[in-house]
Amino acid sequence: MAIINFGSINIDHVYQVEHFVQPGETIASTHYQQLLGGKGANQSIALAQAGADVRHVGSIHENDASFKQALIKKGVDCRGVHCSETPSGHAIIQVTPSGENAIVLFGGANQTLTAKTVHAALSDAKPSDWVLTQNETSSIEDALRQAKEKHLKVAFNPAPMSESVKALPHECIDLLIVNETEAAALTEKESLDDIIAAFKQDWAHCEVIITLGKAGVMMLKGSETITVDAFKVDAVDTTAAGDTFIGYFLSAYSNHTDAKQALKRGCAASAIAVTREGAAQSIPSQKEVDRFLAKRS
């Protein structure tokens, strides 16, 4: 069983700042790093670290092939990653001392995926496989529709959230994963109770996970509402927290792990990640997550 991830590969330019820059303001950064990132790449690495057979489908500039090699070294199958003449996608990330981040994205090569790309990637997919995608590449609708035509399970993380998400074929989605901001934008509701009610009414065809930051996570699964508390840690950088959760949760859940245990595992991996700087390099190994859970049980 494989998880085929149609996902972004970004080069993250990470600046440590005292506070987020304000309009008209110029501030100095106390530290700078250039790192592998992108929600797609982060989620693929988290899946691989969690033990999943993950196949990444994406695009990167030919001069940035070292970032593709970094994915391969983490255990990601990159036969579906193509080198392009289009500049790589990248992100400008501000990180404050409290670990909060603000991000500006440039799509670049991530926007060169086509329906043919999707078709080629799914040509040998098996019915037990999953498809995962986010909202940082082109041809998302193609990925959703073609996956369902092949009767594959589809997980969708609409991040970053945009109006275009509302026009996608929601009926093709089996598992929706959103944070509170994305959930509010998608349902056009403000309170958590109203958001939950809207999902139960309008998204009854699929399972919905709402990540709640320090409050933990909630899963709407049929008539059930499953909640798991977050683990208390000292956060340094929250950049890849959600991606780490998704990778670890989906790796466990796609292998028929009980939903609550899969949620707990995702929360544990995310808790470790936020204690470290950066995105991809903050994602823990299986052994680290096992040790963390053993200590917190």
Protein backbone atom coordinates (compact mmCIF):
# COMPACT_ATOMS: atom_id res chain seq x y z
CA MET A 1 0.00 0.00 0.00
CA ALA A 2 1.44 3.34 -1.10
CA ILE A 3 0.57 6.97 -0.46
CA ILE A 4 0.96 9.05 -3.63
CA ASN A 5 1.51 12.67 -2.68
CA PHE A 6 0.93 15.37 -5.30
CA GLY A 7 2.80 18.03 -3.38
CA SER A 8 4.91 21.15 -3.42
CA ILE A 9 8.66 21.25 -3.05
CA ASN A 10 9.82 24.64 -1.80
CA ILE A 11 13.07 26.22 -0.82
CA ASP A 12 12.43 27.88 2.53
CA HIS A 13 14.21 31.14 3.33
CA VAL A 14 13.84 31.33 7.10
CA TYR A 15 14.44 34.56 9.01
CA GLN A 16 14.48 34.74 12.81
CA VAL A 17 12.90 38.09 13.82
CA GLU A 18 11.90 39.79 17.07
CA HIS A 19 8.40 40.38 15.70
CA PHE A 20 6.58 40.09 12.37
CA VAL A 21 7.41 42.99 10.07
CA GLN A 22 4.71 45.67 9.94
CA PRO A 23 3.64 47.78 6.92
CA GLY A 24 6.35 50.33 6.10
CA GLU A 25 8.75 48.78 8.62
CA THR A 26 12.25 47.42 8.01
CA ILE A 27 13.70 45.11 10.65
CA ALA A 28 16.90 43.11 10.98
CA SER A 29 16.88 39.33 11.10
CA THR A 30 18.94 37.71 13.85
CA HIS A 31 19.49 34.49 11.86
CA TYR A 32 18.94 33.11 8.33
CA GLN A 33 18.69 29.59 6.89
CA GLN A 34 17.92 28.13 3.46
CA LEU A 35 16.10 24.82 3.87
CA LEU A 36 14.00 22.20 2.10
CA GLY A 37 10.31 22.90 2.65
CA GLY A 38 6.87 23.07 1.09
CA LYS A 39 3.82 21.42 2.59
CA GLY A 40 4.03 18.60 0.09
CA ALA A 41 7.69 17.82 0.75
CA ASN A 42 7.22 18.12 4.51
CA GLN A 43 4.27 15.73 4.47
CA SER A 44 6.16 13.23 2.30
CA ILE A 45 9.11 13.29 4.69
CA ALA A 46 6.81 12.86 7.68
CA LEU A 47 5.13 9.90 5.96
CA ALA A 48 8.50 8.31 5.17
CA GLN A 49 9.80 8.94 8.69
CA ALA A 50 6.64 7.28 10.01
CA GLY A 51 7.32 4.18 7.90
CA ALA A 52 4.94 4.71 4.97
CA ASP A 53 5.67 3.86 1.34
CA VAL A 54 5.36 7.40 -0.01
CA ARG A 55 5.72 8.44 -3.64
CA HIS A 56 6.14 12.16 -4.20
CA VAL A 57 4.90 13.77 -7.41
CA GLY A 58 6.14 17.31 -8.02
CA SER A 59 8.58 19.61 -9.80
CA ILE A 60 11.69 21.59 -8.93
CA HIS A 61 14.18 23.72 -10.87
CA GLU A 62 17.02 21.74 -12.44
CA ASN A 63 19.63 23.73 -10.47
CA ASP A 64 18.02 22.70 -7.18
CA ALA A 65 18.38 18.93 -7.64
CA SER A 66 20.13 18.70 -4.26
CA PHE A 67 16.75 19.29 -2.61
CA LYS A 68 15.33 16.29 -4.51
CA GLN A 69 18.27 14.25 -3.21
CA ALA A 70 17.42 15.39 0.31
CA LEU A 71 13.94 13.91 -0.11
CA ILE A 72 15.38 10.64 -1.39
CA LYS A 73 17.76 10.43 1.60
CA LYS A 74 14.73 10.72 3.88
CA GLY A 75 13.19 7.65 2.24
CA VAL A 76 10.81 9.33 -0.22
CA ASP A 77 10.32 7.72 -3.65
CA CYS A 78 11.03 10.62 -6.03
CA ARG A 79 10.59 8.98 -9.42
CA GLY A 80 7.63 11.32 -9.89
CA VAL A 81 9.67 14.46 -9.15
CA HIS A 82 10.72 16.21 -12.36
CA CYS A 83 13.37 18.87 -12.88
CA SER A 84 12.06 21.98 -14.64
CA GLU A 85 13.38 25.17 -16.21
CA THR A 86 10.81 27.06 -14.11
CA PRO A 87 12.22 28.53 -10.86
CA SER A 88 11.57 26.38 -7.83
CA GLY A 89 8.76 27.28 -5.49
CA HIS A 90 9.98 29.07 -2.41
CA ALA A 91 8.78 30.58 0.84
CA ILE A 92 9.86 33.63 2.83
CA ILE A 93 9.32 32.67 6.47
CA GLN A 94 9.50 34.93 9.52
CA VAL A 95 9.86 33.16 12.87
CA THR A 96 9.45 35.00 16.19
CA PRO A 97 11.05 34.05 19.55
CA SER A 98 7.76 32.42 20.63
CA GLY A 99 7.89 30.07 17.64
CA GLU A 100 5.07 31.66 15.63
CA ASN A 101 5.60 32.05 11.88
CA ALA A 102 4.39 34.17 8.96
CA ILE A 103 4.91 32.91 5.40
CA VAL A 104 4.90 34.37 1.88
CA LEU A 105 4.79 31.77 -0.93
CA PHE A 106 5.93 31.76 -4.56
CA GLY A 107 4.50 28.80 -6.49
CA GLY A 108 7.10 28.49 -9.27
CA ALA A 109 7.69 24.93 -10.53
CA ASN A 110 4.95 23.65 -8.24
CA GLN A 111 2.47 25.16 -10.68
CA THR A 112 3.72 23.10 -13.66
CA LEU A 113 1.90 19.85 -12.78
CA THR A 114 -0.65 18.86 -15.43
CA ALA A 115 -3.40 16.29 -15.97
CA LYS A 116 -0.80 14.20 -17.83
CA THR A 117 1.46 14.35 -14.77
CA VAL A 118 -1.37 13.02 -12.65
CA HIS A 119 -2.27 10.27 -15.14
CA ALA A 120 1.33 9.05 -15.33
CA ALA A 121 1.71 9.01 -11.56
CA LEU A 122 -1.48 6.99 -11.06
CA SER A 123 -0.95 4.58 -13.97
CA ASP A 124 0.17 1.73 -11.71
CA ALA A 125 -1.79 2.66 -8.57
CA LYS A 126 -3.49 -0.15 -6.66
CA PRO A 127 -6.98 0.04 -5.06
CA SER A 128 -5.38 -0.05 -1.59
CA ASP A 129 -3.31 3.10 -2.30
CA TRP A 130 -4.08 6.58 -1.03
CA VAL A 131 -3.68 9.93 -2.78
CA LEU A 132 -2.69 12.98 -0.75
CA THR A 133 -2.58 16.57 -1.93
CA GLN A 134 -2.53 20.12 -0.58
CA ASN A 135 -3.21 23.52 -2.15
CA GLU A 136 0.29 24.50 -3.29
CA THR A 137 0.39 22.88 -6.75
CA SER A 138 -1.52 23.02 -10.02
CA SER A 139 -3.85 20.23 -11.23
CA ILE A 140 -5.40 19.56 -7.82
CA GLU A 141 -8.80 18.91 -9.38
CA ASP A 142 -7.19 16.44 -11.79
CA ALA A 143 -5.58 14.61 -8.89
CA LEU A 144 -8.87 14.39 -6.99
CA ARG A 145 -10.98 13.25 -9.96
CA GLN A 146 -8.48 10.77 -11.38
CA ALA A 147 -7.87 9.24 -7.95
CA LYS A 148 -11.59 8.64 -7.43
CA GLU A 149 -11.95 7.20 -10.93
CA LYS A 150 -9.42 4.59 -9.83
CA HIS A 151 -11.30 4.07 -6.54
CA LEU A 152 -8.37 5.30 -4.45
CA LYS A 153 -8.78 6.86 -1.02
CA VAL A 154 -8.15 10.62 -1.14
CA ALA A 155 -6.82 12.83 1.67
CA PHE A 156 -6.89 16.59 1.10
CA ASN A 157 -5.23 19.33 3.14
CA PRO A 158 -6.47 22.66 1.66
CA ALA A 159 -3.49 24.69 2.79
CA PRO A 160 -2.97 27.47 2.15
CA MET A 161 -6.71 28.04 2.04
CA SER A 162 -8.11 30.02 -0.91
CA GLU A 163 -11.47 30.60 -2.58
CA SER A 164 -10.51 28.11 -5.31
CA VAL A 165 -10.82 25.28 -2.79
CA LYS A 166 -14.58 25.78 -2.61
CA ALA A 167 -14.93 24.99 -6.32
CA LEU A 168 -13.07 21.67 -6.14
CA PRO A 169 -15.02 18.37 -6.37
CA HIS A 170 -15.52 17.78 -2.66
CA GLU A 171 -17.31 14.51 -3.37
CA CYS A 172 -13.93 13.03 -4.38
CA ILE A 173 -12.45 13.60 -0.90
CA ASP A 174 -12.49 10.83 1.72
CA LEU A 175 -10.46 12.60 4.41
CA LEU A 176 -10.31 16.39 4.87
CA ILE A 177 -7.61 17.79 7.18
CA VAL A 178 -7.88 21.47 8.19
CA ASN A 179 -6.77 23.82 10.94
CA GLU A 180 -9.21 26.22 12.63
CA THR A 181 -8.56 29.06 10.17
CA GLU A 182 -9.06 26.81 7.14
CA ALA A 183 -12.15 25.25 8.70
CA ALA A 184 -13.71 28.66 9.30
CA ALA A 185 -12.99 29.80 5.74
CA LEU A 186 -14.32 26.59 4.20
CA THR A 187 -17.56 26.52 6.20
CA GLU A 188 -17.99 30.31 6.42
CA LYS A 189 -18.67 29.90 10.16
CA GLU A 190 -16.92 31.49 13.12
CA SER A 191 -17.51 29.45 16.27
CA LEU A 192 -16.14 25.92 16.55
CA ASP A 193 -19.60 24.55 17.31
CA ASP A 194 -21.01 26.10 14.12
CA ILE A 195 -18.01 24.83 12.13
CA ILE A 196 -18.58 21.29 13.40
CA ALA A 197 -22.30 21.47 12.58
CA ALA A 198 -21.53 22.69 9.05
CA PHE A 199 -19.05 19.88 8.42
CA LYS A 200 -21.51 17.27 9.72
CA GLN A 201 -24.16 18.61 7.35
CA ASP A 202 -22.18 19.47 4.21
CA TRP A 203 -19.25 17.03 4.46
CA ALA A 204 -21.07 13.93 5.73
CA HIS A 205 -19.61 11.94 2.82
CA CYS A 206 -16.09 12.12 4.27
CA GLU A 207 -14.14 12.18 7.51
CA VAL A 208 -12.91 15.54 8.76
CA ILE A 209 -9.95 16.32 11.02
CA ILE A 210 -9.68 19.78 12.61
CA THR A 211 -6.31 20.56 14.21
CA LEU A 212 -6.73 22.93 17.14
CA GLY A 213 -3.16 23.93 17.99
CA LYS A 214 -2.48 23.80 21.71
CA ALA A 215 -6.00 22.42 22.26
CA GLY A 216 -5.22 19.24 20.33
CA VAL A 217 -7.18 17.71 17.47
CA MET A 218 -10.74 16.64 16.63
CA MET A 219 -11.95 14.06 14.11
CA LEU A 220 -15.50 13.86 12.77
CA LYS A 221 -15.94 10.23 11.74
CA GLY A 222 -19.51 9.30 10.88
CA SER A 223 -21.58 9.85 14.00
CA GLU A 224 -18.46 9.94 16.18
CA THR A 225 -16.50 12.97 17.36
CA ILE A 226 -13.04 11.86 18.47
CA THR A 227 -10.82 14.28 20.40
CA VAL A 228 -7.18 14.04 21.45
CA ASP A 229 -5.39 16.58 23.65
CA ALA A 230 -2.14 18.17 22.53
CA PHE A 231 1.07 17.31 24.37
CA LYS A 232 2.55 20.19 26.36
CA VAL A 233 6.03 21.17 25.14
CA ASP A 234 8.12 24.33 24.86
CA ALA A 235 7.61 25.43 21.24
CA VAL A 236 10.52 26.89 19.31
CA ASP A 237 9.20 26.87 15.72
CA THR A 238 5.74 25.76 14.56
CA THR A 239 6.57 25.81 10.83
CA ALA A 240 6.03 22.11 10.01
CA ALA A 241 3.76 21.14 12.91
CA GLY A 242 0.66 20.49 10.81
CA ASP A 243 2.60 18.67 8.08
CA THR A 244 4.25 16.41 10.64
CA PHE A 245 0.88 15.60 12.18
CA ILE A 246 -0.61 14.75 8.78
CA GLY A 247 2.27 12.46 7.79
CA TYR A 248 2.30 10.51 11.03
CA PHE A 249 -1.48 10.31 11.31
CA LEU A 250 -2.01 9.19 7.71
CA SER A 251 0.80 6.63 7.87
CA ALA A 252 -0.87 4.97 10.85
CA TYR A 253 -4.48 5.42 9.74
CA SER A 254 -3.94 4.12 6.21
CA ASN A 255 -2.54 0.96 7.80
CA HIS A 256 -5.79 0.44 9.72
CA THR A 257 -4.64 1.81 13.06
CA ASP A 258 -7.51 2.86 15.34
CA ALA A 259 -8.41 6.51 14.64
CA LYS A 260 -7.75 7.74 18.18
CA GLN A 261 -4.36 6.04 18.34
CA ALA A 262 -3.44 7.44 14.92
CA LEU A 263 -4.46 10.93 16.08
CA LYS A 264 -2.39 10.54 19.23
CA ARG A 265 0.63 9.45 17.22
CA GLY A 266 0.25 12.45 14.94
CA CYS A 267 0.03 14.78 17.94
CA ALA A 268 3.15 13.26 19.48
CA ALA A 269 5.17 13.70 16.29
CA SER A 270 3.93 17.27 15.93
CA ALA A 271 4.84 18.05 19.55
CA ILE A 272 8.42 16.93 18.95
CA ALA A 273 8.66 18.92 15.72
CA VAL A 274 7.73 22.26 17.32
CA THR A 275 10.62 21.95 19.78
CA ARG A 276 13.05 22.21 16.85
CA GLU A 277 13.86 24.91 14.32
CA GLY A 278 13.02 24.60 10.64
CA ALA A 279 10.58 22.54 8.63
CA ALA A 280 11.75 19.24 7.12
CA GLN A 281 14.64 18.81 9.53
CA SER A 282 12.36 19.18 12.55
CA ILE A 283 10.33 16.05 11.68
CA PRO A 284 11.13 13.22 14.12
CA SER A 285 11.88 9.56 13.44
CA GLN A 286 9.62 6.66 14.40
CA LYS A 287 11.90 5.77 17.30
CA GLU A 288 11.75 9.32 18.65
CA VAL A 289 7.95 9.26 18.53
CA ASP A 290 7.84 5.83 20.19
CA ARG A 291 10.09 7.06 23.01
CA PHE A 292 8.04 10.23 23.43
CA LEU A 293 4.79 8.28 23.70
CA ALA A 294 6.32 5.78 26.11
CA LYS A 295 7.37 8.60 28.45
CA ARG A 296 3.96 10.33 28.21
CA SER A 297 1.78 7.22 28.60
